[in-house]
Each structure stands twice: as structure tokens, then as C-alpha cells.
C-alpha atoms as a PDB file:
ATOM      1  CA  MET A   1     -47.151 -29.445  40.958  1.00  0.00           C
ATOM      2  CA  ALA A   2     -45.290 -26.272  42.061  1.00  0.00           C
ATOM      3  CA  SER A   3     -47.073 -23.246  43.366  1.00  0.00           C
ATOM      4  CA  ALA A   4     -46.660 -19.442  42.652  1.00  0.00           C
ATOM      5  CA  LYS A   5     -44.539 -19.215  45.797  1.00  0.00           C
ATOM      6  CA  ASP A   6     -42.417 -22.064  44.912  1.00  0.00           C
ATOM      7  CA  TYR A   7     -41.458 -20.307  41.285  1.00  0.00           C
ATOM      8  CA  LYS A   8     -40.924 -17.064  43.094  1.00  0.00           C
ATOM      9  CA  LYS A   9     -38.121 -18.537  45.476  1.00  0.00           C
ATOM     10  CA  ILE A  10     -36.802 -20.254  42.527  1.00  0.00           C
ATOM     11  CA  LEU A  11     -36.873 -17.283  40.089  1.00  0.00           C
ATOM     12  CA  ASP A  12     -36.464 -14.285  42.592  1.00  0.00           C
ATOM     13  CA  ASP A  13     -33.885 -11.770  41.124  1.00  0.00           C
ATOM     14  CA  ALA A  14     -33.497 -13.787  37.795  1.00  0.00           C
ATOM     15  CA  VAL A  15     -34.648 -11.098  35.905  1.00  0.00           C
ATOM     16  CA  THR A  16     -34.573  -7.169  36.168  1.00  0.00           C
ATOM     17  CA  VAL A  17     -37.116  -4.623  35.026  1.00  0.00           C
ATOM     18  CA  ASP A  18     -34.825  -3.684  32.270  1.00  0.00           C
ATOM     19  CA  ASP A  19     -35.075  -7.192  30.912  1.00  0.00           C
ATOM     20  CA  VAL A  20     -38.707  -6.911  30.612  1.00  0.00           C
ATOM     21  CA  LYS A  21     -38.573  -3.981  28.945  1.00  0.00           C
ATOM     22  CA  ARG A  22     -36.083  -5.338  26.401  1.00  0.00           C
ATOM     23  CA  ALA A  23     -38.387  -8.206  25.927  1.00  0.00           C
ATOM     24  CA  LYS A  24     -41.561  -5.972  25.497  1.00  0.00           C
ATOM     25  CA  ALA A  25     -39.715  -3.612  23.172  1.00  0.00           C
ATOM     26  CA  ALA A  26     -38.244  -6.233  20.525  1.00  0.00           C
ATOM     27  CA  PHE A  27     -41.117  -9.120  20.775  1.00  0.00           C
ATOM     28  CA  TRP A  28     -43.126  -7.840  17.818  1.00  0.00           C
ATOM     29  CA  LYS A  29     -40.144  -6.554  15.698  1.00  0.00           C
ATOM     30  CA  LYS A  30     -38.719 -10.149  15.787  1.00  0.00           C
ATOM     31  CA  MET A  31     -42.040 -11.697  15.151  1.00  0.00           C
ATOM     32  CA  ARG A  32     -42.502  -9.605  11.960  1.00  0.00           C
ATOM     33  CA  ALA A  33     -39.164 -10.255  10.822  1.00  0.00           C
ATOM     34  CA  PHE A  34     -39.792 -13.916  10.709  1.00  0.00           C
ATOM     35  CA  ALA A  35     -43.590 -13.884   9.922  1.00  0.00           C
ATOM     36  CA  GLY A  36     -44.991 -17.124   8.784  1.00  0.00           C
ATOM     37  CA  ARG A  37     -41.877 -18.954   9.708  1.00  0.00           C
ATOM     38  CA  VAL A  38     -42.263 -19.147  13.580  1.00  0.00           C
ATOM     39  CA  PRO A  39     -44.337 -22.142  14.269  1.00  0.00           C
ATOM     40  CA  PHE A  40     -44.524 -21.555  18.094  1.00  0.00           C
ATOM     41  CA  ALA A  41     -46.058 -17.855  17.506  1.00  0.00           C
ATOM     42  CA  ARG A  42     -48.880 -18.676  19.667  1.00  0.00           C
ATOM     43  CA  GLN A  43     -46.989 -19.837  22.512  1.00  0.00           C
ATOM     44  CA  ALA A  44     -44.585 -16.948  22.235  1.00  0.00           C
ATOM     45  CA  ALA A  45     -47.376 -14.573  22.103  1.00  0.00           C
ATOM     46  CA  ALA A  46     -48.731 -16.151  25.273  1.00  0.00           C
ATOM     47  CA  LEU A  47     -45.410 -15.518  26.969  1.00  0.00           C
ATOM     48  CA  TYR A  48     -45.407 -11.932  25.932  1.00  0.00           C
ATOM     49  CA  TYR A  49     -48.995 -11.229  27.134  1.00  0.00           C
ATOM     50  CA  MET A  50     -47.914 -12.671  30.667  1.00  0.00           C
ATOM     51  CA  ILE A  51     -45.122 -10.302  30.833  1.00  0.00           C
ATOM     52  CA  ARG A  52     -47.416  -7.472  30.037  1.00  0.00           C
ATOM     53  CA  ASP A  53     -49.783  -8.340  32.885  1.00  0.00           C
ATOM     54  CA  PRO A  54     -48.996  -5.698  35.714  1.00  0.00           C
ATOM     55  CA  LYS A  55     -50.577  -8.214  38.372  1.00  0.00           C
ATOM     56  CA  VAL A  56     -47.744 -10.852  37.616  1.00  0.00           C
ATOM     57  CA  ASP A  57     -44.755 -10.333  39.835  1.00  0.00           C
ATOM     58  CA  LEU A  58     -41.550  -9.832  38.302  1.00  0.00           C
ATOM     59  CA  PRO A  59     -40.267 -13.158  39.664  1.00  0.00           C
ATOM     60  CA  LEU A  60     -42.990 -15.242  38.332  1.00  0.00           C
ATOM     61  CA  LYS A  61     -42.353 -13.383  35.010  1.00  0.00           C
ATOM     62  CA  ALA A  62     -38.770 -14.825  34.913  1.00  0.00           C
ATOM     63  CA  ALA A  63     -39.280 -17.868  32.747  1.00  0.00           C
ATOM     64  CA  ALA A  64     -41.373 -15.765  30.096  1.00  0.00           C
ATOM     65  CA  VAL A  65     -38.967 -13.059  30.058  1.00  0.00           C
ATOM     66  CA  LEU A  66     -35.920 -15.185  29.642  1.00  0.00           C
ATOM     67  CA  ALA A  67     -37.614 -17.422  26.901  1.00  0.00           C
ATOM     68  CA  ILE A  68     -38.691 -14.090  25.038  1.00  0.00           C
ATOM     69  CA  LEU A  69     -35.152 -12.750  25.456  1.00  0.00           C
ATOM     70  CA  TYR A  70     -33.527 -15.937  24.105  1.00  0.00           C
ATOM     71  CA  PHE A  71     -36.106 -15.852  21.121  1.00  0.00           C
ATOM     72  CA  ILE A  72     -35.251 -12.003  20.243  1.00  0.00           C
ATOM     73  CA  SER A  73     -31.637 -12.477  20.731  1.00  0.00           C
ATOM     74  CA  PRO A  74     -29.595 -12.180  17.596  1.00  0.00           C
ATOM     75  CA  VAL A  75     -27.053 -14.766  18.990  1.00  0.00           C
ATOM     76  CA  ASP A  76     -28.553 -18.280  19.123  1.00  0.00           C
ATOM     77  CA  MET A  77     -27.208 -21.596  19.256  1.00  0.00           C
ATOM     78  CA  ILE A  78     -28.828 -22.508  15.631  1.00  0.00           C
ATOM     79  CA  PRO A  79     -29.229 -19.089  13.719  1.00  0.00           C
ATOM     80  CA  ASP A  80     -32.821 -18.162  12.784  1.00  0.00           C
ATOM     81  CA  VAL A  81     -31.978 -17.416   9.288  1.00  0.00           C
ATOM     82  CA  ILE A  82     -31.185 -21.228   8.577  1.00  0.00           C
ATOM     83  CA  PRO A  83     -34.075 -22.687   6.942  1.00  0.00           C
ATOM     84  CA  ILE A  84     -36.150 -25.224   8.790  1.00  0.00           C
ATOM     85  CA  THR A  85     -33.785 -25.746  11.790  1.00  0.00           C
ATOM     86  CA  GLY A  86     -33.225 -22.157  12.513  1.00  0.00           C
ATOM     87  CA  PHE A  87     -35.871 -22.127  15.257  1.00  0.00           C
ATOM     88  CA  LEU A  88     -35.449 -25.422  16.771  1.00  0.00           C
ATOM     89  CA  ASP A  89     -33.665 -23.822  19.680  1.00  0.00           C
ATOM     90  CA  ASP A  90     -35.934 -21.032  20.003  1.00  0.00           C
ATOM     91  CA  ALA A  91     -38.947 -23.478  20.095  1.00  0.00           C
ATOM     92  CA  GLY A  92     -37.247 -25.736  22.811  1.00  0.00           C
ATOM     93  CA  VAL A  93     -36.731 -22.726  24.977  1.00  0.00           C
ATOM     94  CA  ILE A  94     -40.290 -21.609  24.455  1.00  0.00           C
ATOM     95  CA  ALA A  95     -41.682 -24.818  25.058  1.00  0.00           C
ATOM     96  CA  THR A  96     -39.867 -25.183  28.304  1.00  0.00           C
ATOM     97  CA  ALA A  97     -40.889 -21.954  29.604  1.00  0.00           C
ATOM     98  CA  ILE A  98     -44.525 -22.831  28.959  1.00  0.00           C
ATOM     99  CA  SER A  99     -44.018 -25.996  30.672  1.00  0.00           C
ATOM    100  CA  VAL A 100     -42.405 -24.403  33.635  1.00  0.00           C
ATOM    101  CA  LEU A 101     -45.056 -21.980  34.016  1.00  0.00           C
ATOM    102  CA  GLY A 102     -47.641 -24.563  33.733  1.00  0.00           C
ATOM    103  CA  PRO A 103     -51.107 -23.523  34.834  1.00  0.00           C
ATOM    104  CA  MET A 104     -50.001 -20.196  35.367  1.00  0.00           C
ATOM    105  CA  ILE A 105     -49.799 -19.608  31.613  1.00  0.00           C
ATOM    106  CA  LYS A 106     -53.417 -20.814  30.739  1.00  0.00           C
ATOM    107  CA  PRO A 107     -55.100 -17.255  30.783  1.00  0.00           C
ATOM    108  CA  TYR A 108     -52.313 -15.942  28.534  1.00  0.00           C
ATOM    109  CA  MET A 109     -52.874 -18.944  25.896  1.00  0.00           C
ATOM    110  CA  LYS A 110     -56.401 -17.738  25.911  1.00  0.00           C
ATOM    111  CA  ASN A 111     -55.087 -14.108  24.860  1.00  0.00           C
ATOM    112  CA  ALA A 112     -52.846 -15.532  22.228  1.00  0.00           C
ATOM    113  CA  ASP A 113     -55.534 -17.509  20.762  1.00  0.00           C
ATOM    114  CA  GLU A 114     -57.663 -14.351  20.599  1.00  0.00           C
ATOM    115  CA  TRP A 115     -54.613 -12.716  18.657  1.00  0.00           C
ATOM    116  CA  VAL A 116     -54.264 -15.654  16.322  1.00  0.00           C
ATOM    117  CA  GLN A 117     -58.072 -15.667  15.658  1.00  0.00           C
ATOM    118  CA  LYS A 118     -58.380 -12.238  14.727  1.00  0.00           C
ATOM    119  CA  GLY A 119     -55.511 -12.543  12.275  1.00  0.00           C
ATOM    120  CA  GLN A 120     -53.907  -9.553  14.073  1.00  0.00           C
ATOM    121  CA  PRO A 121     -50.911  -7.944  12.321  1.00  0.00           C
ATOM    122  CA  MET A 122     -47.678  -7.912  13.950  1.00  0.00           C
ATOM    123  CA  LYS A 123     -47.223  -4.531  14.782  1.00  0.00           C
ATOM    124  CA  ASP A 124     -45.144  -2.711  17.495  1.00  0.00           C
ATOM    125  CA  GLU A 125     -46.636  -3.774  20.868  1.00  0.00           C
ATOM    126  CA  GLU A 126     -48.129  -0.272  21.657  1.00  0.00           C
ATOM    127  CA  GLU A 127     -50.290  -0.680  18.547  1.00  0.00           C
ATOM    128  CA  VAL A 128     -51.408  -4.406  19.319  1.00  0.00           C
ATOM    129  CA  VAL A 129     -51.902  -4.602  23.163  1.00  0.00           C
ATOM    130  CA  VAL A 130     -52.366  -2.685  26.141  1.00  0.00           C
ATOM    131  CA  ASP A 131     -51.185  -4.091  29.578  1.00  0.00           C
ATOM    132  CA  VAL A 132     -53.356  -6.977  30.289  1.00  0.00           C
ATOM    133  CA  GLU A 133     -54.798  -8.149  33.682  1.00  0.00           C
ATOM    134  CA  VAL A 134     -55.789 -11.535  34.101  1.00  0.00           C
ATOM    135  CA  THR A 135     -57.847 -12.577  37.082  1.00  0.00           C
ATOM    136  CA  GLN A 136     -57.438 -16.370  37.858  1.00  0.00           C
ATOM    137  CA  LYS A 137     -59.963 -18.236  40.159  1.00  0.00           C
ATOM    138  CA  ALA A 138     -58.203 -19.724  43.334  1.00  0.00           C
ATOM    139  CA  GLY A 139     -57.993 -23.401  43.308  1.00  0.00           C
END
């Protein structure tokens, strides 16, 4: 399995700080717009929590940021407004990012599970979460 150093080499300079800001700023707006129709909301939220973690280096956040940018983009291969099939491409991109991030995403899935269990309303990000820091055990 690839290590964090491997991902850093692959994804170095793949995203910018501005990309992270755009992803953070528009995430909850998109989730609200399609509330109840995003079958992968938990996984998307986990990616969001990862990009909020200040301990994760920017190159390691690249897959999560790129997936969220695709999700929030008004231009998709399959427009989101098309019933049933509109989110297939988004789901594929989110699933791919989760797969690429492997064990690195697990702590953020726990954050997403807590968000789902609490039934948190989909508000602007500042009202929902503050930057999270996840400490992982080495091993």
C-alpha cells in the first residue's frame, strides 16, 4: 500500500491553497442545494473534514480537494439536475478519492459519521465545523 510520502510525491503541486478555499467555501452550499439526493453525502463530508485538518499537508489533501471541486462544479459530465443519474459521475469521483486516500481518510469518516448521526443541518461551513485536527497512531 502506498505511504503518505508516496502520495506527496504524486500529488505535489496538484492543488493550490486557493483550490482548498474554493472547496471549503462552496461545499455546504452544494450539499444544501441537493439535500437528500446525495447518496454519498457521508463520503463527501469525510473528504471535506480532511481538507479542514490543518495538520494534513496540502499535497496530501489534493485528492480530496479535487474530488470536492468536481462535486461543487456546475459543469459535470452528467448534470446534477438530471434525476437518478445526475450524481453518478460525482459518486465515481468521490469513490475514487476515498479509494486513493485509503487509510488516511478513516479518521475523517468517523467525523462524517458523527455529523450524520447528529443529523446536522447543512449550513455554511463556519457554522458547522471549525478546523479539525486528527491525530493518527503510527503503524
